[in-house]
């Protein structure tokens, strides 16, 4: 996997988790 892809997923996942209030 590409490091850029993992970073992109984290950027997409982190805001979603924060919005859900699960983090």
Protein backbone atom coordinates (compact mmCIF):
# COMPACT_ATOMS: atom_id res chain seq x y z
CA UNK A 1 0.00 0.00 0.00
CA UNK A 2 1.11 3.56 -0.61
CA UNK A 3 1.83 5.81 2.35
CA UNK A 4 -0.18 8.54 0.62
CA UNK A 5 -3.20 6.26 0.43
CA UNK A 6 -3.02 5.45 4.14
CA UNK A 7 -2.70 9.14 4.99
CA UNK A 8 -5.70 9.95 2.80
CA UNK A 9 -7.76 7.30 4.58
CA UNK A 10 -6.76 8.66 7.98
CA UNK A 11 -7.71 12.19 6.93
CA UNK A 12 -11.09 10.86 5.80
CA UNK A 13 -11.66 8.60 8.79
CA UNK A 14 -10.56 10.95 11.57
CA UNK A 15 -13.13 13.69 10.77
CA UNK A 16 -15.87 11.06 10.45
CA UNK A 17 -15.03 9.55 13.84
CA UNK A 18 -14.87 13.00 15.41
CA UNK A 19 -18.26 13.91 13.93
CA UNK A 20 -19.74 10.68 15.26
CA UNK A 21 -18.22 11.42 18.65
CA UNK A 22 -16.66 7.97 18.84
CA UNK A 23 -13.12 9.29 19.25
